[in-house]
């Protein structure tokens, strides 16, 4: 029932794109249509401290294994084409 549970913290980090924490929180809660439940910076920091940083290593490895096993990666002259 928390406003910033485990999955919300993960989504928050994955989709960050603003410059300040306040802007990030406003954008995050607006994008999930729960702006009225927006938390403070202090509450965000408390939720972040509960997160094991190894979860990102795991997620990156999972994403990479799924990505490279799919037909998405394209090669040109034996080089992977990667675009952002």
N, C-alpha and C. Protein backbone atom coordinates (compact mmCIF):
# COMPACT_ATOMS: atom_id res chain seq x y z
N UNK A 1 0.80 -1.21 0.00
CA UNK A 1 0.00 0.00 0.00
C UNK A 1 0.85 1.27 0.00
N UNK A 2 2.17 1.13 -0.06
CA UNK A 2 3.03 2.30 -0.07
C UNK A 2 2.96 3.02 -1.41
N UNK A 3 3.17 4.32 -1.38
CA UNK A 3 3.18 5.10 -2.62
C UNK A 3 4.42 4.82 -3.45
N UNK A 4 5.53 4.53 -2.79
CA UNK A 4 6.77 4.25 -3.51
C UNK A 4 7.27 2.87 -3.09
N UNK A 5 6.66 1.84 -3.68
CA UNK A 5 7.07 0.48 -3.36
C UNK A 5 8.27 0.07 -4.23
N UNK A 6 8.68 -1.17 -4.13
CA UNK A 6 9.85 -1.67 -4.85
C UNK A 6 9.76 -1.41 -6.35
N UNK A 7 8.63 -1.78 -6.94
CA UNK A 7 8.47 -1.63 -8.39
C UNK A 7 8.45 -0.17 -8.81
N UNK A 8 7.86 0.68 -8.00
CA UNK A 8 7.83 2.11 -8.31
C UNK A 8 9.24 2.70 -8.30
N UNK A 9 10.06 2.28 -7.35
CA UNK A 9 11.44 2.78 -7.29
C UNK A 9 12.20 2.34 -8.54
N UNK A 10 12.03 1.11 -8.95
CA UNK A 10 12.69 0.60 -10.15
C UNK A 10 12.24 1.40 -11.37
N UNK A 11 10.92 1.57 -11.53
CA UNK A 11 10.40 2.36 -12.66
C UNK A 11 10.92 3.79 -12.60
N UNK A 12 10.97 4.36 -11.42
CA UNK A 12 11.48 5.72 -11.26
C UNK A 12 12.90 5.84 -11.81
N UNK A 13 13.77 4.90 -11.45
CA UNK A 13 15.15 4.95 -11.92
C UNK A 13 15.27 4.69 -13.42
N UNK A 14 14.50 3.76 -13.93
CA UNK A 14 14.59 3.42 -15.35
C UNK A 14 14.17 4.59 -16.24
N UNK A 15 13.12 5.30 -15.85
CA UNK A 15 12.56 6.33 -16.71
C UNK A 15 12.92 7.75 -16.31
N UNK A 16 13.98 7.92 -15.52
CA UNK A 16 14.42 9.27 -15.14
C UNK A 16 14.91 10.02 -16.37
N UNK A 17 14.56 11.31 -16.45
CA UNK A 17 15.05 12.11 -17.58
C UNK A 17 15.05 13.61 -17.29
N UNK A 18 14.79 14.01 -16.08
CA UNK A 18 14.78 15.43 -15.71
C UNK A 18 16.06 15.78 -14.98
N UNK A 19 16.19 17.02 -14.57
CA UNK A 19 17.44 17.46 -13.95
C UNK A 19 17.40 17.46 -12.42
N UNK A 20 16.26 17.71 -11.82
CA UNK A 20 16.18 17.77 -10.36
C UNK A 20 15.27 16.68 -9.83
N UNK A 21 15.45 16.37 -8.57
CA UNK A 21 14.61 15.34 -7.95
C UNK A 21 13.15 15.76 -7.94
N UNK A 22 12.88 17.02 -7.64
CA UNK A 22 11.49 17.50 -7.64
C UNK A 22 10.85 17.36 -9.02
N UNK A 23 11.60 17.73 -10.05
CA UNK A 23 11.08 17.59 -11.41
C UNK A 23 10.83 16.13 -11.76
N UNK A 24 11.76 15.27 -11.33
CA UNK A 24 11.61 13.83 -11.57
C UNK A 24 10.36 13.28 -10.90
N UNK A 25 10.17 13.63 -9.63
CA UNK A 25 9.00 13.14 -8.89
C UNK A 25 7.70 13.64 -9.51
N UNK A 26 7.68 14.91 -9.89
CA UNK A 26 6.48 15.47 -10.52
C UNK A 26 6.19 14.75 -11.82
N UNK A 27 7.22 14.56 -12.64
CA UNK A 27 7.03 13.87 -13.92
C UNK A 27 6.58 12.42 -13.70
N UNK A 28 7.22 11.72 -12.77
CA UNK A 28 6.90 10.32 -12.51
C UNK A 28 5.45 10.15 -12.08
N UNK A 29 5.02 10.92 -11.08
CA UNK A 29 3.65 10.77 -10.58
C UNK A 29 2.61 11.28 -11.57
N UNK A 30 2.96 12.27 -12.37
CA UNK A 30 2.04 12.73 -13.41
C UNK A 30 1.88 11.66 -14.49
N UNK A 31 2.97 10.98 -14.83
CA UNK A 31 2.92 9.97 -15.89
C UNK A 31 2.12 8.73 -15.48
N UNK A 32 2.04 8.45 -14.18
CA UNK A 32 1.25 7.29 -13.75
C UNK A 32 -0.12 7.72 -13.21
N UNK A 33 -0.49 8.98 -13.46
CA UNK A 33 -1.80 9.53 -13.08
C UNK A 33 -2.09 9.41 -11.58
N UNK A 34 -1.07 9.64 -10.76
CA UNK A 34 -1.24 9.62 -9.31
C UNK A 34 -0.54 10.82 -8.68
N UNK A 35 -0.68 11.98 -9.32
CA UNK A 35 0.02 13.17 -8.84
C UNK A 35 -0.38 13.53 -7.41
N UNK A 36 -1.62 13.24 -7.05
CA UNK A 36 -2.08 13.57 -5.70
C UNK A 36 -1.38 12.73 -4.63
N UNK A 37 -0.71 11.64 -5.02
CA UNK A 37 0.00 10.79 -4.07
C UNK A 37 1.51 11.00 -4.14
N UNK A 38 1.94 12.09 -4.76
CA UNK A 38 3.37 12.38 -4.92
C UNK A 38 4.04 12.44 -3.55
N UNK A 39 5.22 11.83 -3.46
CA UNK A 39 5.94 11.79 -2.19
C UNK A 39 7.01 12.90 -2.16
N UNK A 40 7.59 13.11 -1.00
CA UNK A 40 8.64 14.11 -0.85
C UNK A 40 10.00 13.53 -1.25
N UNK A 41 10.97 14.42 -1.38
CA UNK A 41 12.33 13.96 -1.68
C UNK A 41 12.87 13.08 -0.56
N UNK A 42 12.51 13.43 0.67
CA UNK A 42 12.98 12.65 1.81
C UNK A 42 12.41 11.24 1.77
N UNK A 43 11.14 11.13 1.43
CA UNK A 43 10.51 9.80 1.33
C UNK A 43 11.15 8.99 0.19
N UNK A 44 11.48 9.65 -0.91
CA UNK A 44 12.15 8.97 -2.02
C UNK A 44 13.52 8.45 -1.57
N UNK A 45 14.28 9.29 -0.89
CA UNK A 45 15.60 8.87 -0.42
C UNK A 45 15.49 7.69 0.55
N UNK A 46 14.47 7.70 1.38
CA UNK A 46 14.26 6.58 2.32
C UNK A 46 13.95 5.29 1.55
N UNK A 47 13.11 5.40 0.51
CA UNK A 47 12.77 4.22 -0.30
C UNK A 47 13.99 3.72 -1.06
N UNK A 48 14.82 4.64 -1.55
CA UNK A 48 16.02 4.25 -2.29
C UNK A 48 17.01 3.51 -1.40
N UNK A 49 17.13 3.94 -0.14
CA UNK A 49 18.06 3.30 0.78
C UNK A 49 17.66 1.85 1.07
N UNK A 50 16.39 1.52 0.91
CA UNK A 50 15.92 0.15 1.14
C UNK A 50 16.20 -0.77 -0.05
N UNK A 51 16.58 -0.18 -1.18
CA UNK A 51 16.78 -0.94 -2.41
C UNK A 51 18.19 -1.50 -2.48
N UNK A 52 18.31 -2.76 -2.77
CA UNK A 52 19.61 -3.40 -2.96
C UNK A 52 20.14 -2.99 -4.34
N UNK A 53 21.30 -2.33 -4.42
CA UNK A 53 21.81 -1.88 -5.72
C UNK A 53 22.12 -3.02 -6.69
N UNK A 54 22.27 -4.23 -6.19
CA UNK A 54 22.54 -5.37 -7.08
C UNK A 54 21.36 -5.69 -7.99
N UNK A 55 20.20 -5.17 -7.67
CA UNK A 55 19.03 -5.42 -8.50
C UNK A 55 19.25 -4.85 -9.91
N UNK A 56 20.00 -3.76 -10.03
CA UNK A 56 20.24 -3.16 -11.34
C UNK A 56 21.20 -4.01 -12.18
N UNK A 57 22.19 -4.60 -11.55
CA UNK A 57 23.07 -5.52 -12.26
C UNK A 57 22.27 -6.70 -12.79
N UNK A 58 21.40 -7.23 -11.96
CA UNK A 58 20.54 -8.35 -12.38
C UNK A 58 19.65 -7.93 -13.55
N UNK A 59 19.00 -6.78 -13.44
CA UNK A 59 18.09 -6.32 -14.50
C UNK A 59 18.83 -6.06 -15.81
N UNK A 60 20.02 -5.48 -15.73
CA UNK A 60 20.80 -5.22 -16.94
C UNK A 60 21.21 -6.53 -17.59
N UNK A 61 21.62 -7.50 -16.79
CA UNK A 61 22.00 -8.82 -17.35
C UNK A 61 20.80 -9.51 -17.98
N UNK A 62 19.65 -9.43 -17.33
CA UNK A 62 18.43 -10.04 -17.89
C UNK A 62 18.04 -9.37 -19.20
N UNK A 63 18.07 -8.05 -19.21
CA UNK A 63 17.73 -7.31 -20.43
C UNK A 63 18.69 -7.66 -21.56
N UNK A 64 19.98 -7.71 -21.26
CA UNK A 64 20.97 -8.02 -22.30
C UNK A 64 20.78 -9.43 -22.85
N UNK A 65 20.52 -10.39 -21.98
CA UNK A 65 20.34 -11.77 -22.47
C UNK A 65 19.09 -11.89 -23.33
N UNK A 66 18.03 -11.21 -22.96
CA UNK A 66 16.80 -11.24 -23.77
C UNK A 66 17.02 -10.51 -25.10
N UNK A 67 17.68 -9.35 -25.03
CA UNK A 67 17.91 -8.54 -26.23
C UNK A 67 18.77 -9.28 -27.25
N UNK A 68 19.89 -9.83 -26.81
CA UNK A 68 20.81 -10.47 -27.75
C UNK A 68 20.31 -11.83 -28.21
N UNK A 69 19.36 -12.42 -27.51
CA UNK A 69 18.77 -13.68 -27.97
C UNK A 69 17.67 -13.42 -29.00
N UNK A 70 17.20 -12.19 -29.09
CA UNK A 70 16.13 -11.86 -30.04
C UNK A 70 16.71 -11.50 -31.40
N UNK A 71 15.83 -11.16 -32.32
CA UNK A 71 16.27 -10.78 -33.66
C UNK A 71 16.50 -9.27 -33.77
N UNK A 72 16.44 -8.55 -32.66
CA UNK A 72 16.60 -7.09 -32.69
C UNK A 72 18.00 -6.61 -33.03
N UNK A 73 19.07 -7.20 -32.48
CA UNK A 73 20.39 -6.67 -32.81
C UNK A 73 20.72 -6.87 -34.28
N UNK A 74 21.16 -5.83 -34.93
CA UNK A 74 21.54 -5.90 -36.34
C UNK A 74 23.04 -5.69 -36.46
N UNK A 75 23.63 -6.36 -37.43
CA UNK A 75 25.08 -6.22 -37.64
C UNK A 75 25.33 -5.62 -39.01
N UNK A 76 26.37 -4.81 -39.06
CA UNK A 76 26.85 -4.24 -40.30
C UNK A 76 28.36 -4.43 -40.32
N UNK A 77 28.85 -5.24 -41.23
CA UNK A 77 30.29 -5.55 -41.32
C UNK A 77 30.83 -6.05 -39.99
N UNK A 78 30.10 -6.98 -39.38
CA UNK A 78 30.45 -7.62 -38.11
C UNK A 78 30.49 -6.67 -36.91
N UNK A 79 29.84 -5.53 -37.02
CA UNK A 79 29.70 -4.61 -35.89
C UNK A 79 28.24 -4.50 -35.53
N UNK A 80 27.96 -4.48 -34.23
CA UNK A 80 26.58 -4.27 -33.78
C UNK A 80 26.18 -2.83 -34.01
N UNK A 81 25.00 -2.63 -34.56
CA UNK A 81 24.46 -1.28 -34.73
C UNK A 81 23.62 -0.97 -33.52
N UNK A 82 24.01 0.06 -32.80
CA UNK A 82 23.31 0.46 -31.59
C UNK A 82 22.97 1.94 -31.71
N UNK A 83 21.71 2.27 -31.45
CA UNK A 83 21.29 3.67 -31.53
C UNK A 83 20.51 4.02 -30.27
N UNK A 84 20.55 5.26 -29.93
CA UNK A 84 19.82 5.72 -28.75
C UNK A 84 18.74 6.67 -29.19
